[in-house]
């Protein structure tokens, strides 16, 4: 295996198995953190950054499904979770995926397969994006579709949030009209162009929110967010 070294969090209460997994993955020059309880696993997962989390379902202090849900809810960076468990029934796998796991491997397993699955999960860029975008006092949460400026809520529609997100991500540069339309409609352009209306509504909301944020129209290019200083 010649791919990059990975950082793995292993949450497993079977110490013999944990040692075996750690020894094998460390032999690949990967960095491994270990937790034998769910609560400790959640703490490590939310305080540190990992490429993949390998999670057992049967833990002494709480169920692995609960641990998975808590990690997914608390993380700002979406880290893929691979459930490693002896439960091989379809119902157990279904519960795992519904709880937020990204892959499922049953025990006993070939540790080479475990490593390959970790590498595959680490290659999925969508699973490693941050769920919170912050520029100065502006904070956008893509999980909850919420926006705050200096901790004050900006009440946005979903479309307004999407527009503000794209403008914030590009700040201090402008965003082309065509790019904003593509974001809203996935390149399936509507018969009319309601972008101006959405921009008008977003300007109105920003003005009413008592924030310093404004939207500038940049000639024939598009729109630019202003009011974040050097963020």
Protein backbone atom coordinates (compact mmCIF):
# COMPACT_ATOMS: atom_id res chain seq x y z
CA UNK A 1 0.00 0.00 0.00
CA UNK A 2 1.72 3.11 -1.24
CA UNK A 3 -0.94 5.74 -0.53
CA UNK A 4 -0.44 8.54 1.99
CA UNK A 5 -0.23 7.85 5.70
CA UNK A 6 -3.62 8.11 7.37
CA UNK A 7 -4.72 9.21 10.83
CA UNK A 8 -7.19 6.72 12.31
CA UNK A 9 -9.30 6.70 15.46
CA UNK A 10 -10.13 3.17 16.60
CA UNK A 11 -13.01 2.84 19.09
CA UNK A 12 -12.99 -0.79 20.22
CA UNK A 13 -13.37 -2.43 23.64
CA UNK A 14 -11.81 -5.78 22.69
CA UNK A 15 -8.24 -5.06 23.73
CA UNK A 16 -6.75 -8.09 21.96
CA UNK A 17 -8.38 -7.10 18.67
CA UNK A 18 -7.52 -3.44 19.19
CA UNK A 19 -3.83 -4.31 19.63
CA UNK A 20 -3.92 -6.44 16.50
CA UNK A 21 -5.55 -3.68 14.43
CA UNK A 22 -3.24 -0.98 15.80
CA UNK A 23 -0.14 -3.09 15.18
CA UNK A 24 -1.17 -3.78 11.58
CA UNK A 25 -2.12 -0.19 10.71
CA UNK A 26 0.92 1.28 12.46
CA UNK A 27 2.96 -1.11 10.29
CA UNK A 28 1.67 0.92 7.34
CA UNK A 29 3.10 4.06 9.00
CA UNK A 30 -0.39 5.25 9.89
CA UNK A 31 -1.12 7.21 13.06
CA UNK A 32 -3.61 5.45 15.35
CA UNK A 33 -5.48 6.80 18.36
CA UNK A 34 -7.42 4.32 20.48
CA UNK A 35 -10.46 4.49 22.75
CA UNK A 36 -11.99 1.53 24.57
CA UNK A 37 -15.20 3.36 25.53
CA UNK A 38 -17.78 5.30 23.56
CA UNK A 39 -17.58 8.48 25.64
CA UNK A 40 -13.82 8.69 25.20
CA UNK A 41 -14.22 8.00 21.48
CA UNK A 42 -16.67 10.88 21.06
CA UNK A 43 -14.31 13.18 22.95
CA UNK A 44 -11.31 12.26 20.78
CA UNK A 45 -13.34 12.46 17.56
CA UNK A 46 -14.57 15.97 18.29
CA UNK A 47 -11.29 17.33 19.65
CA UNK A 48 -8.99 15.97 16.94
CA UNK A 49 -8.90 15.57 13.17
CA UNK A 50 -8.87 12.07 11.66
CA UNK A 51 -9.04 10.67 8.15
CA UNK A 52 -11.27 7.76 9.23
CA UNK A 53 -12.93 6.55 12.45
CA UNK A 54 -13.22 2.77 12.94
CA UNK A 55 -16.06 2.12 15.38
CA UNK A 56 -17.23 -1.04 17.16
CA UNK A 57 -20.96 -1.40 17.79
CA UNK A 58 -20.67 -3.20 21.14
CA UNK A 59 -19.12 -0.84 23.66
CA UNK A 60 -19.25 -1.11 27.46
CA UNK A 61 -20.70 2.32 28.22
CA UNK A 62 -23.01 2.96 25.23
CA UNK A 63 -24.12 1.54 21.92
CA UNK A 64 -21.95 2.21 18.87
CA UNK A 65 -24.98 3.55 17.00
CA UNK A 66 -25.33 6.29 19.61
CA UNK A 67 -21.62 7.03 19.43
CA UNK A 68 -21.87 7.36 15.65
CA UNK A 69 -24.78 9.79 15.91
CA UNK A 70 -23.04 11.88 18.57
CA UNK A 71 -19.85 12.13 16.54
CA UNK A 72 -21.67 13.09 13.35
CA UNK A 73 -23.74 15.71 15.18
CA UNK A 74 -20.78 17.30 16.97
CA UNK A 75 -18.13 17.34 14.25
CA UNK A 76 -17.36 20.48 12.30
CA UNK A 77 -15.33 18.46 9.80
CA UNK A 78 -17.18 15.47 8.39
CA UNK A 79 -15.03 12.41 9.07
CA UNK A 80 -16.06 9.05 7.57
CA UNK A 81 -16.97 6.31 10.02
CA UNK A 82 -16.41 2.61 9.34
CA UNK A 83 -18.33 0.29 11.65
CA UNK A 84 -16.42 -2.86 12.55
CA UNK A 85 -18.67 -5.36 14.32
CA UNK A 86 -19.69 -8.98 14.69
CA UNK A 87 -23.32 -8.06 13.96
CA UNK A 88 -23.80 -9.24 10.39
CA UNK A 89 -27.60 -9.23 10.02
CA UNK A 90 -29.07 -6.91 7.40
CA UNK A 91 -31.13 -5.14 10.08
CA UNK A 92 -27.97 -4.30 12.03
CA UNK A 93 -26.26 -2.96 8.91
CA UNK A 94 -29.34 -0.91 8.04
CA UNK A 95 -29.39 0.63 11.53
CA UNK A 96 -25.71 1.44 11.16
CA UNK A 97 -26.15 3.27 7.88
CA UNK A 98 -29.23 5.10 9.16
CA UNK A 99 -27.17 6.25 12.15
CA UNK A 100 -24.64 7.87 9.84
CA UNK A 101 -21.93 5.28 9.23
CA UNK A 102 -20.21 5.47 5.85
CA UNK A 103 -19.08 1.83 5.58
CA UNK A 104 -19.62 -1.45 7.39
CA UNK A 105 -17.26 -4.39 7.89
CA UNK A 106 -18.06 -7.52 9.90
CA UNK A 107 -15.74 -9.40 12.24
CA UNK A 108 -13.65 -11.39 11.79
CA UNK A 109 -12.14 -9.55 8.87
CA UNK A 110 -8.94 -9.49 6.86
CA UNK A 111 -7.01 -6.49 8.16
CA UNK A 112 -5.82 -5.80 4.63
CA UNK A 113 -9.44 -5.24 3.63
CA UNK A 114 -9.91 -2.92 6.60
CA UNK A 115 -6.93 -0.87 5.44
CA UNK A 116 -8.20 -0.71 1.85
CA UNK A 117 -11.63 0.40 3.03
CA UNK A 118 -10.06 3.13 5.16
CA UNK A 119 -8.08 4.34 2.15
CA UNK A 120 -11.23 4.37 0.00
CA UNK A 121 -13.13 6.41 2.59
CA UNK A 122 -10.23 8.86 2.98
CA UNK A 123 -10.29 9.51 -0.77
CA UNK A 124 -13.89 10.75 -0.73
CA UNK A 125 -13.49 14.55 -0.57
CA UNK A 126 -17.17 15.20 0.24
CA UNK A 127 -16.72 13.33 3.52
CA UNK A 128 -13.99 15.69 4.71
CA UNK A 129 -15.58 19.09 4.15
CA UNK A 130 -16.14 21.46 7.02
CA UNK A 131 -19.77 21.91 8.01
CA UNK A 132 -19.09 25.42 9.33
CA UNK A 133 -17.75 28.30 7.26
CA UNK A 134 -16.40 31.25 9.25
CA UNK A 135 -15.17 34.56 7.89
CA UNK A 136 -14.54 37.06 10.66
CA UNK A 137 -17.77 37.55 12.66
CA UNK A 138 -19.86 35.72 10.03
CA UNK A 139 -20.59 32.04 10.73
CA UNK A 140 -22.50 29.72 8.39
CA UNK A 141 -23.53 26.22 9.47
CA UNK A 142 -24.28 24.03 6.44
CA UNK A 143 -25.82 21.30 8.58
CA UNK A 144 -28.45 23.49 10.16
CA UNK A 145 -28.66 26.11 7.40
CA UNK A 146 -28.12 28.84 9.97
CA UNK A 147 -26.13 32.07 9.76
CA UNK A 148 -24.94 34.39 12.51
CA UNK A 149 -23.04 37.68 12.51
CA UNK A 150 -21.40 38.55 15.82
CA UNK A 151 -23.50 35.72 17.29
CA UNK A 152 -26.75 37.36 16.13
CA UNK A 153 -28.95 35.18 13.95
CA UNK A 154 -29.55 36.19 10.33
CA UNK A 155 -32.89 34.69 9.31
CA UNK A 156 -32.45 33.30 5.80
CA UNK A 157 -34.43 31.17 3.40
CA UNK A 158 -32.63 28.13 2.02
CA UNK A 159 -31.95 29.99 -1.22
CA UNK A 160 -30.70 33.01 0.71
CA UNK A 161 -28.39 30.78 2.71
CA UNK A 162 -27.00 29.18 -0.45
CA UNK A 163 -26.29 32.56 -2.00
CA UNK A 164 -24.67 33.94 1.15
CA UNK A 165 -22.57 30.77 1.47
CA UNK A 166 -21.19 31.10 -2.08
CA UNK A 167 -20.50 34.81 -1.63
CA UNK A 168 -18.82 34.21 1.74
CA UNK A 169 -16.72 31.35 0.39
CA UNK A 170 -15.43 33.61 -2.41
CA UNK A 171 -14.85 36.66 -0.18
CA UNK A 172 -13.29 39.14 -0.88
CA UNK A 173 -13.70 38.21 -4.54
CA UNK A 174 -16.94 38.53 -6.54
CA UNK A 175 -19.00 35.59 -7.76
CA UNK A 176 -20.23 35.48 -11.35
CA UNK A 177 -23.97 35.51 -11.95
CA UNK A 178 -23.65 32.31 -13.96
CA UNK A 179 -21.96 30.55 -11.02
CA UNK A 180 -24.69 31.62 -8.61
CA UNK A 181 -27.39 30.44 -11.01
CA UNK A 182 -25.57 27.13 -11.42
CA UNK A 183 -25.46 26.72 -7.63
CA UNK A 184 -29.20 27.32 -7.31
CA UNK A 185 -30.38 25.30 -10.27
CA UNK A 186 -27.61 22.75 -11.00
CA UNK A 187 -27.20 24.07 -14.54
CA UNK A 188 -30.91 23.49 -15.29
CA UNK A 189 -31.77 27.12 -15.91
CA UNK A 190 -35.37 28.20 -15.34
CA UNK A 191 -37.28 29.97 -18.09
CA UNK A 192 -37.05 33.24 -16.17
CA UNK A 193 -34.07 34.43 -14.14
CA UNK A 194 -35.14 35.01 -10.53
CA UNK A 195 -31.57 35.65 -9.35
CA UNK A 196 -32.12 39.41 -9.13
CA UNK A 197 -35.13 38.82 -6.91
CA UNK A 198 -33.17 36.49 -4.62
CA UNK A 199 -30.30 38.99 -4.42
CA UNK A 200 -32.78 41.77 -3.58
CA UNK A 201 -34.30 39.64 -0.80
CA UNK A 202 -30.86 38.76 0.58
CA UNK A 203 -29.86 42.44 0.62
CA UNK A 204 -33.04 43.25 2.48
CA UNK A 205 -32.45 40.54 5.09
CA UNK A 206 -28.84 41.63 5.65
CA UNK A 207 -29.96 45.24 6.12
CA UNK A 208 -32.61 44.19 8.64
CA UNK A 209 -30.20 41.99 10.59
CA UNK A 210 -28.17 44.97 11.86
CA UNK A 211 -25.02 43.42 10.44
CA UNK A 212 -22.40 45.32 8.47
CA UNK A 213 -22.84 42.99 5.51
CA UNK A 214 -23.83 44.35 2.13
CA UNK A 215 -23.91 43.03 -1.43
CA UNK A 216 -22.20 44.98 -4.19
CA UNK A 217 -23.06 44.57 -7.87
CA UNK A 218 -19.84 44.27 -9.88
CA UNK A 219 -20.48 45.51 -13.42
CA UNK A 220 -21.16 42.70 -15.86
CA UNK A 221 -19.53 40.14 -13.57
CA UNK A 222 -21.83 39.39 -10.66
CA UNK A 223 -22.00 40.15 -6.96
CA UNK A 224 -19.59 40.62 -4.10
CA UNK A 225 -20.05 40.40 -0.34
CA UNK A 226 -18.74 43.39 1.61
CA UNK A 227 -18.43 44.24 5.28
CA UNK A 228 -16.07 41.51 6.54
CA UNK A 229 -12.93 43.63 6.49
CA UNK A 230 -9.76 41.54 6.25
CA UNK A 231 -11.45 38.23 7.16
